[in-house]
Amino acid sequence: MTTVYVRLAIDRLYAGNYLSILLKGTEPHRNVAAAIRALGHDILRDETLDEQAARYRLLVRKSAANTSASAPSA
């Protein structure tokens, strides 16, 4: 489900905007990063916040080429 929530958040962004994603667990980290790359967006930063607790942060920039999503609603 984490990947679905991230996809929805990215879809609401305008091209070129940024999203910071906090993840817990190696599997969600791996899956979300793979999905972001598969969608053609840029991972600008991939940080390990706490290795023992498996906490991660991704900084993503929405690709200008991937603009199939609707504009954010007010």
PDB file of N, CA and C in Angstrom:
ATOM      1  N   MET A   1       0.816  -1.203   0.000  1.00  0.00           N
ATOM      2  CA  MET A   1       0.000   0.000   0.000  1.00  0.00           C
ATOM      3  C   MET A   1       0.856   1.262   0.000  1.00  0.00           C
ATOM      4  N   THR A   2       2.032   1.190   0.567  1.00  0.00           N
ATOM      5  CA  THR A   2       2.891   2.363   0.619  1.00  0.00           C
ATOM      6  C   THR A   2       3.164   2.906  -0.770  1.00  0.00           C
ATOM      7  N   THR A   3       3.449   2.022  -1.713  1.00  0.00           N
ATOM      8  CA  THR A   3       3.735   2.452  -3.080  1.00  0.00           C
ATOM      9  C   THR A   3       2.525   3.157  -3.687  1.00  0.00           C
ATOM     10  N   VAL A   4       1.328   2.691  -3.383  1.00  0.00           N
ATOM     11  CA  VAL A   4       0.108   3.323  -3.897  1.00  0.00           C
ATOM     12  C   VAL A   4      -0.036   4.732  -3.340  1.00  0.00           C
ATOM     13  N   TYR A   5       0.188   4.910  -2.044  1.00  0.00           N
ATOM     14  CA  TYR A   5       0.091   6.236  -1.435  1.00  0.00           C
ATOM     15  C   TYR A   5       1.121   7.200  -2.021  1.00  0.00           C
ATOM     16  N   VAL A   6       2.317   6.701  -2.239  1.00  0.00           N
ATOM     17  CA  VAL A   6       3.368   7.548  -2.823  1.00  0.00           C
ATOM     18  C   VAL A   6       2.993   7.926  -4.248  1.00  0.00           C
ATOM     19  N   ARG A   7       2.485   6.976  -5.010  1.00  0.00           N
ATOM     20  CA  ARG A   7       2.073   7.257  -6.392  1.00  0.00           C
ATOM     21  C   ARG A   7       0.988   8.328  -6.425  1.00  0.00           C
ATOM     22  N   LEU A   8       0.014   8.244  -5.540  1.00  0.00           N
ATOM     23  CA  LEU A   8      -1.041   9.251  -5.478  1.00  0.00           C
ATOM     24  C   LEU A   8      -0.478  10.628  -5.130  1.00  0.00           C
ATOM     25  N   ALA A   9       0.471  10.676  -4.205  1.00  0.00           N
ATOM     26  CA  ALA A   9       1.088  11.947  -3.824  1.00  0.00           C
ATOM     27  C   ALA A   9       1.872  12.546  -4.987  1.00  0.00           C
ATOM     28  N   ILE A  10       2.612  11.733  -5.703  1.00  0.00           N
ATOM     29  CA  ILE A  10       3.381  12.221  -6.854  1.00  0.00           C
ATOM     30  C   ILE A  10       2.440  12.691  -7.957  1.00  0.00           C
ATOM     31  N   ASP A  11       1.359  11.975  -8.175  1.00  0.00           N
ATOM     32  CA  ASP A  11       0.397  12.358  -9.214  1.00  0.00           C
ATOM     33  C   ASP A  11      -0.216  13.732  -8.959  1.00  0.00           C
ATOM     34  N   ARG A  12      -0.296  14.137  -7.709  1.00  0.00           N
ATOM     35  CA  ARG A  12      -0.874  15.439  -7.365  1.00  0.00           C
ATOM     36  C   ARG A  12       0.105  16.599  -7.562  1.00  0.00           C
ATOM     37  N   LEU A  13       1.370  16.298  -7.779  1.00  0.00           N
ATOM     38  CA  LEU A  13       2.383  17.336  -7.946  1.00  0.00           C
ATOM     39  C   LEU A  13       2.425  17.856  -9.377  1.00  0.00           C
ATOM     40  N   TYR A  14       2.877  19.100  -9.518  1.00  0.00           N
ATOM     41  CA  TYR A  14       3.204  19.632 -10.839  1.00  0.00           C
ATOM     42  C   TYR A  14       4.595  19.138 -11.212  1.00  0.00           C
ATOM     43  N   ALA A  15       4.860  19.049 -12.499  1.00  0.00           N
ATOM     44  CA  ALA A  15       6.192  18.652 -12.972  1.00  0.00           C
ATOM     45  C   ALA A  15       7.243  19.586 -12.385  1.00  0.00           C
ATOM     46  N   GLY A  16       8.330  19.010 -11.907  1.00  0.00           N
ATOM     47  CA  GLY A  16       9.418  19.787 -11.317  1.00  0.00           C
ATOM     48  C   GLY A  16       9.296  19.987  -9.818  1.00  0.00           C
ATOM     49  N   ASN A  17       8.135  19.675  -9.231  1.00  0.00           N
ATOM     50  CA  ASN A  17       7.971  19.814  -7.785  1.00  0.00           C
ATOM     51  C   ASN A  17       8.624  18.646  -7.063  1.00  0.00           C
ATOM     52  N   TYR A  18       8.846  18.826  -5.761  1.00  0.00           N
ATOM     53  CA  TYR A  18       9.559  17.854  -4.935  1.00  0.00           C
ATOM     54  C   TYR A  18       8.626  17.201  -3.924  1.00  0.00           C
ATOM     55  N   LEU A  19       8.983  15.985  -3.548  1.00  0.00           N
ATOM     56  CA  LEU A  19       8.259  15.252  -2.512  1.00  0.00           C
ATOM     57  C   LEU A  19       9.280  14.554  -1.622  1.00  0.00           C
ATOM     58  N   SER A  20       9.163  14.764  -0.318  1.00  0.00           N
ATOM     59  CA  SER A  20       9.997  14.070   0.650  1.00  0.00           C
ATOM     60  C   SER A  20       9.178  12.917   1.221  1.00  0.00           C
ATOM     61  N   ILE A  21       9.740  11.721   1.179  1.00  0.00           N
ATOM     62  CA  ILE A  21       9.027  10.512   1.591  1.00  0.00           C
ATOM     63  C   ILE A  21       9.787   9.842   2.728  1.00  0.00           C
ATOM     64  N   LEU A  22       9.116   9.617   3.845  1.00  0.00           N
ATOM     65  CA  LEU A  22       9.696   8.888   4.972  1.00  0.00           C
ATOM     66  C   LEU A  22       9.179   7.456   4.924  1.00  0.00           C
ATOM     67  N   LEU A  23      10.094   6.503   5.022  1.00  0.00           N
ATOM     68  CA  LEU A  23       9.731   5.087   4.913  1.00  0.00           C
ATOM     69  C   LEU A  23      10.303   4.297   6.076  1.00  0.00           C
ATOM     70  N   LYS A  24       9.562   3.297   6.511  1.00  0.00           N
ATOM     71  CA  LYS A  24      10.055   2.399   7.544  1.00  0.00           C
ATOM     72  C   LYS A  24      10.024   0.986   6.992  1.00  0.00           C
ATOM     73  N   GLY A  25      11.174   0.343   6.960  1.00  0.00           N
ATOM     74  CA  GLY A  25      11.293  -1.020   6.472  1.00  0.00           C
ATOM     75  C   GLY A  25      12.051  -1.070   5.162  1.00  0.00           C
ATOM     76  N   THR A  26      12.864  -2.103   5.032  1.00  0.00           N
ATOM     77  CA  THR A  26      13.677  -2.224   3.812  1.00  0.00           C
ATOM     78  C   THR A  26      12.833  -2.566   2.591  1.00  0.00           C
ATOM     79  N   GLU A  27      11.786  -3.359   2.768  1.00  0.00           N
ATOM     80  CA  GLU A  27      10.945  -3.725   1.626  1.00  0.00           C
ATOM     81  C   GLU A  27      10.185  -2.513   1.059  1.00  0.00           C
ATOM     82  N   PRO A  28       9.511  -1.712   1.896  1.00  0.00           N
ATOM     83  CA  PRO A  28       8.871  -0.507   1.347  1.00  0.00           C
ATOM     84  C   PRO A  28       9.889   0.434   0.691  1.00  0.00           C
ATOM     85  N   HIS A  29      11.060   0.571   1.284  1.00  0.00           N
ATOM     86  CA  HIS A  29      12.102   1.425   0.714  1.00  0.00           C
ATOM     87  C   HIS A  29      12.484   0.938  -0.677  1.00  0.00           C
ATOM     88  N   ARG A  30      12.723  -0.323  -0.802  1.00  0.00           N
ATOM     89  CA  ARG A  30      13.119  -0.912  -2.086  1.00  0.00           C
ATOM     90  C   ARG A  30      11.989  -0.790  -3.122  1.00  0.00           C
ATOM     91  N   ASN A  31      10.764  -1.112  -2.724  1.00  0.00           N
ATOM     92  CA  ASN A  31       9.626  -1.083  -3.639  1.00  0.00           C
ATOM     93  C   ASN A  31       9.277   0.329  -4.103  1.00  0.00           C
ATOM     94  N   VAL A  32       9.267   1.271  -3.178  1.00  0.00           N
ATOM     95  CA  VAL A  32       8.929   2.653  -3.533  1.00  0.00           C
ATOM     96  C   VAL A  32       9.996   3.241  -4.454  1.00  0.00           C
ATOM     97  N   ALA A  33      11.262   3.024  -4.138  1.00  0.00           N
ATOM     98  CA  ALA A  33      12.340   3.539  -4.987  1.00  0.00           C
ATOM     99  C   ALA A  33      12.251   2.951  -6.396  1.00  0.00           C
ATOM    100  N   ALA A  34      11.977   1.668  -6.505  1.00  0.00           N
ATOM    101  CA  ALA A  34      11.852   1.028  -7.817  1.00  0.00           C
ATOM    102  C   ALA A  34      10.665   1.591  -8.593  1.00  0.00           C
ATOM    103  N   ALA A  35       9.546   1.809  -7.914  1.00  0.00           N
ATOM    104  CA  ALA A  35       8.354   2.351  -8.576  1.00  0.00           C
ATOM    105  C   ALA A  35       8.595   3.774  -9.069  1.00  0.00           C
ATOM    106  N   ILE A  36       9.274   4.577  -8.264  1.00  0.00           N
ATOM    107  CA  ILE A  36       9.568   5.959  -8.662  1.00  0.00           C
ATOM    108  C   ILE A  36      10.438   5.980  -9.910  1.00  0.00           C
ATOM    109  N   ARG A  37      11.450   5.144  -9.911  1.00  0.00           N
ATOM    110  CA  ARG A  37      12.329   5.069 -11.092  1.00  0.00           C
ATOM    111  C   ARG A  37      11.570   4.553 -12.316  1.00  0.00           C
ATOM    112  N   ALA A  38      10.713   3.557 -12.126  1.00  0.00           N
ATOM    113  CA  ALA A  38       9.941   2.988 -13.236  1.00  0.00           C
ATOM    114  C   ALA A  38       8.991   4.024 -13.836  1.00  0.00           C
ATOM    115  N   LEU A  39       8.500   4.940 -13.018  1.00  0.00           N
ATOM    116  CA  LEU A  39       7.613   5.992 -13.500  1.00  0.00           C
ATOM    117  C   LEU A  39       8.376   7.134 -14.161  1.00  0.00           C
ATOM    118  N   GLY A  40       9.700   7.107 -14.064  1.00  0.00           N
ATOM    119  CA  GLY A  40      10.527   8.106 -14.730  1.00  0.00           C
ATOM    120  C   GLY A  40      10.820   9.352 -13.914  1.00  0.00           C
ATOM    121  N   HIS A  41      10.579   9.298 -12.610  1.00  0.00           N
ATOM    122  CA  HIS A  41      10.867  10.442 -11.753  1.00  0.00           C
ATOM    123  C   HIS A  41      12.295  10.326 -11.211  1.00  0.00           C
ATOM    124  N   ASP A  42      12.792  11.427 -10.664  1.00  0.00           N
ATOM    125  CA  ASP A  42      14.173  11.486 -10.189  1.00  0.00           C
ATOM    126  C   ASP A  42      14.229  11.352  -8.674  1.00  0.00           C
ATOM    127  N   ILE A  43      15.063  10.447  -8.182  1.00  0.00           N
ATOM    128  CA  ILE A  43      15.356  10.370  -6.749  1.00  0.00           C
ATOM    129  C   ILE A  43      16.623  11.188  -6.539  1.00  0.00           C
ATOM    130  N   LEU A  44      16.462  12.340  -5.908  1.00  0.00           N
ATOM    131  CA  LEU A  44      17.587  13.247  -5.702  1.00  0.00           C
ATOM    132  C   LEU A  44      18.413  12.873  -4.482  1.00  0.00           C
ATOM    133  N   ARG A  45      17.737  12.303  -3.487  1.00  0.00           N
ATOM    134  CA  ARG A  45      18.431  11.922  -2.259  1.00  0.00           C
ATOM    135  C   ARG A  45      17.788  10.661  -1.711  1.00  0.00           C
ATOM    136  N   ASP A  46      18.626   9.740  -1.298  1.00  0.00           N
ATOM    137  CA  ASP A  46      18.170   8.486  -0.685  1.00  0.00           C
ATOM    138  C   ASP A  46      18.988   8.321   0.590  1.00  0.00           C
ATOM    139  N   GLU A  47      18.381   8.683   1.715  1.00  0.00           N
ATOM    140  CA  GLU A  47      19.094   8.697   2.991  1.00  0.00           C
ATOM    141  C   GLU A  47      18.629   7.568   3.907  1.00  0.00           C
ATOM    142  N   THR A  48      19.572   6.994   4.622  1.00  0.00           N
ATOM    143  CA  THR A  48      19.256   6.065   5.698  1.00  0.00           C
ATOM    144  C   THR A  48      19.262   6.874   6.986  1.00  0.00           C
ATOM    145  N   LEU A  49      18.105   6.998   7.615  1.00  0.00           N
ATOM    146  CA  LEU A  49      17.998   7.786   8.839  1.00  0.00           C
ATOM    147  C   LEU A  49      18.400   6.973  10.061  1.00  0.00           C
ATOM    148  N   ASP A  50      18.027   5.708  10.074  1.00  0.00           N
ATOM    149  CA  ASP A  50      18.347   4.820  11.187  1.00  0.00           C
ATOM    150  C   ASP A  50      18.439   3.400  10.638  1.00  0.00           C
ATOM    151  N   GLU A  51      19.637   2.892  10.544  1.00  0.00           N
ATOM    152  CA  GLU A  51      19.847   1.574   9.938  1.00  0.00           C
ATOM    153  C   GLU A  51      19.213   0.457  10.758  1.00  0.00           C
ATOM    154  N   GLN A  52      19.322   0.524  12.062  1.00  0.00           N
ATOM    155  CA  GLN A  52      18.764  -0.537  12.908  1.00  0.00           C
ATOM    156  C   GLN A  52      17.238  -0.570  12.843  1.00  0.00           C
ATOM    157  N   ALA A  53      16.614   0.593  12.801  1.00  0.00           N
ATOM    158  CA  ALA A  53      15.155   0.662  12.736  1.00  0.00           C
ATOM    159  C   ALA A  53      14.652   0.654  11.296  1.00  0.00           C
ATOM    160  N   ALA A  54      15.561   0.616  10.334  1.00  0.00           N
ATOM    161  CA  ALA A  54      15.225   0.594   8.906  1.00  0.00           C
ATOM    162  C   ALA A  54      14.323   1.762   8.536  1.00  0.00           C
ATOM    163  N   ARG A  55      14.796   2.973   8.843  1.00  0.00           N
ATOM    164  CA  ARG A  55      14.055   4.199   8.499  1.00  0.00           C
ATOM    165  C   ARG A  55      14.821   4.935   7.410  1.00  0.00           C
ATOM    166  N   TYR A  56      14.083   5.366   6.376  1.00  0.00           N
ATOM    167  CA  TYR A  56      14.693   5.976   5.201  1.00  0.00           C
ATOM    168  C   TYR A  56      13.938   7.228   4.795  1.00  0.00           C
ATOM    169  N   ARG A  57      14.636   8.090   4.052  1.00  0.00           N
ATOM    170  CA  ARG A  57      14.005   9.279   3.476  1.00  0.00           C
ATOM    171  C   ARG A  57      14.417   9.366   2.012  1.00  0.00           C
ATOM    172  N   LEU A  58      13.433   9.554   1.140  1.00  0.00           N
ATOM    173  CA  LEU A  58      13.689   9.793  -0.277  1.00  0.00           C
ATOM    174  C   LEU A  58      13.243  11.201  -0.612  1.00  0.00           C
ATOM    175  N   LEU A  59      14.045  11.890  -1.403  1.00  0.00           N
ATOM    176  CA  LEU A  59      13.652  13.182  -1.947  1.00  0.00           C
ATOM    177  C   LEU A  59      13.478  12.977  -3.436  1.00  0.00           C
ATOM    178  N   VAL A  60      12.264  13.214  -3.917  1.00  0.00           N
ATOM    179  CA  VAL A  60      11.895  12.912  -5.297  1.00  0.00           C
ATOM    180  C   VAL A  60      11.498  14.194  -6.014  1.00  0.00           C
ATOM    181  N   ARG A  61      11.900  14.295  -7.282  1.00  0.00           N
ATOM    182  CA  ARG A  61      11.439  15.396  -8.138  1.00  0.00           C
ATOM    183  C   ARG A  61      10.589  14.792  -9.243  1.00  0.00           C
ATOM    184  N   LYS A  62       9.383  15.317  -9.395  1.00  0.00           N
ATOM    185  CA  LYS A  62       8.495  14.804 -10.438  1.00  0.00           C
ATOM    186  C   LYS A  62       9.047  15.205 -11.799  1.00  0.00           C
ATOM    187  N   SER A  63       9.132  14.241 -12.676  1.00  0.00           N
ATOM    188  CA  SER A  63       9.674  14.439 -14.010  1.00  0.00           C
ATOM    189  C   SER A  63       8.739  15.281 -14.862  1.00  0.00           C
ATOM    190  N   ALA A  64       9.315  16.141 -15.675  1.00  0.00           N
ATOM    191  CA  ALA A  64       8.521  16.936 -16.612  1.00  0.00           C
ATOM    192  C   ALA A  64       7.945  16.051 -17.705  1.00  0.00           C
ATOM    193  N   ALA A  65       8.621  14.957 -18.021  1.00  0.00           N
ATOM    194  CA  ALA A  65       8.164  14.060 -19.081  1.00  0.00           C
ATOM    195  C   ALA A  65       6.929  13.273 -18.649  1.00  0.00           C
ATOM    196  N   ASN A  66       6.744  13.095 -17.360  1.00  0.00           N
ATOM    197  CA  ASN A  66       5.617  12.310 -16.864  1.00  0.00           C
ATOM    198  C   ASN A  66       4.535  13.256 -16.348  1.00  0.00           C
ATOM    199  N   THR A  67       3.741  13.784 -17.255  1.00  0.00           N
ATOM    200  CA  THR A  67       2.713  14.761 -16.862  1.00  0.00           C
ATOM    201  C   THR A  67       1.314  14.240 -17.135  1.00  0.00           C
ATOM    202  N   SER A  68       1.134  12.927 -17.139  1.00  0.00           N
ATOM    203  CA  SER A  68      -0.171  12.340 -17.419  1.00  0.00           C
ATOM    204  C   SER A  68      -1.157  12.548 -16.279  1.00  0.00           C
ATOM    205  N   ALA A  69      -0.668  12.901 -15.120  1.00  0.00           N
ATOM    206  CA  ALA A  69      -1.545  13.073 -13.960  1.00  0.00           C
ATOM    207  C   ALA A  69      -2.255  14.410 -14.014  1.00  0.00           C
ATOM    208  N   SER A  70      -3.337  14.493 -13.310  1.00  0.00           N
ATOM    209  CA  SER A  70      -4.097  15.736 -13.266  1.00  0.00           C
ATOM    210  C   SER A  70      -3.408  16.744 -12.361  1.00  0.00           C
ATOM    211  N   ALA A  71      -3.769  17.992 -12.543  1.00  0.00           N
ATOM    212  CA  ALA A  71      -3.211  19.057 -11.723  1.00  0.00           C
ATOM    213  C   ALA A  71      -3.754  18.939 -10.312  1.00  0.00           C
ATOM    214  N   PRO A  72      -2.999  19.443  -9.331  1.00  0.00           N
ATOM    215  CA  PRO A  72      -3.469  19.375  -7.948  1.00  0.00           C
ATOM    216  C   PRO A  72      -4.795  20.136  -7.783  1.00  0.00           C
ATOM    217  N   SER A  73      -5.653  19.633  -6.939  1.00  0.00           N
ATOM    218  CA  SER A  73      -6.911  20.316  -6.689  1.00  0.00           C
ATOM    219  C   SER A  73      -6.750  21.258  -5.511  1.00  0.00           C
ATOM    220  N   ALA A  74      -7.568  22.282  -5.503  1.00  0.00           N
ATOM    221  CA  ALA A  74      -7.481  23.301  -4.443  1.00  0.00           C
ATOM    222  C   ALA A  74      -8.165  22.874  -3.182  1.00  0.00           C
TER     223      ALA A  74
END
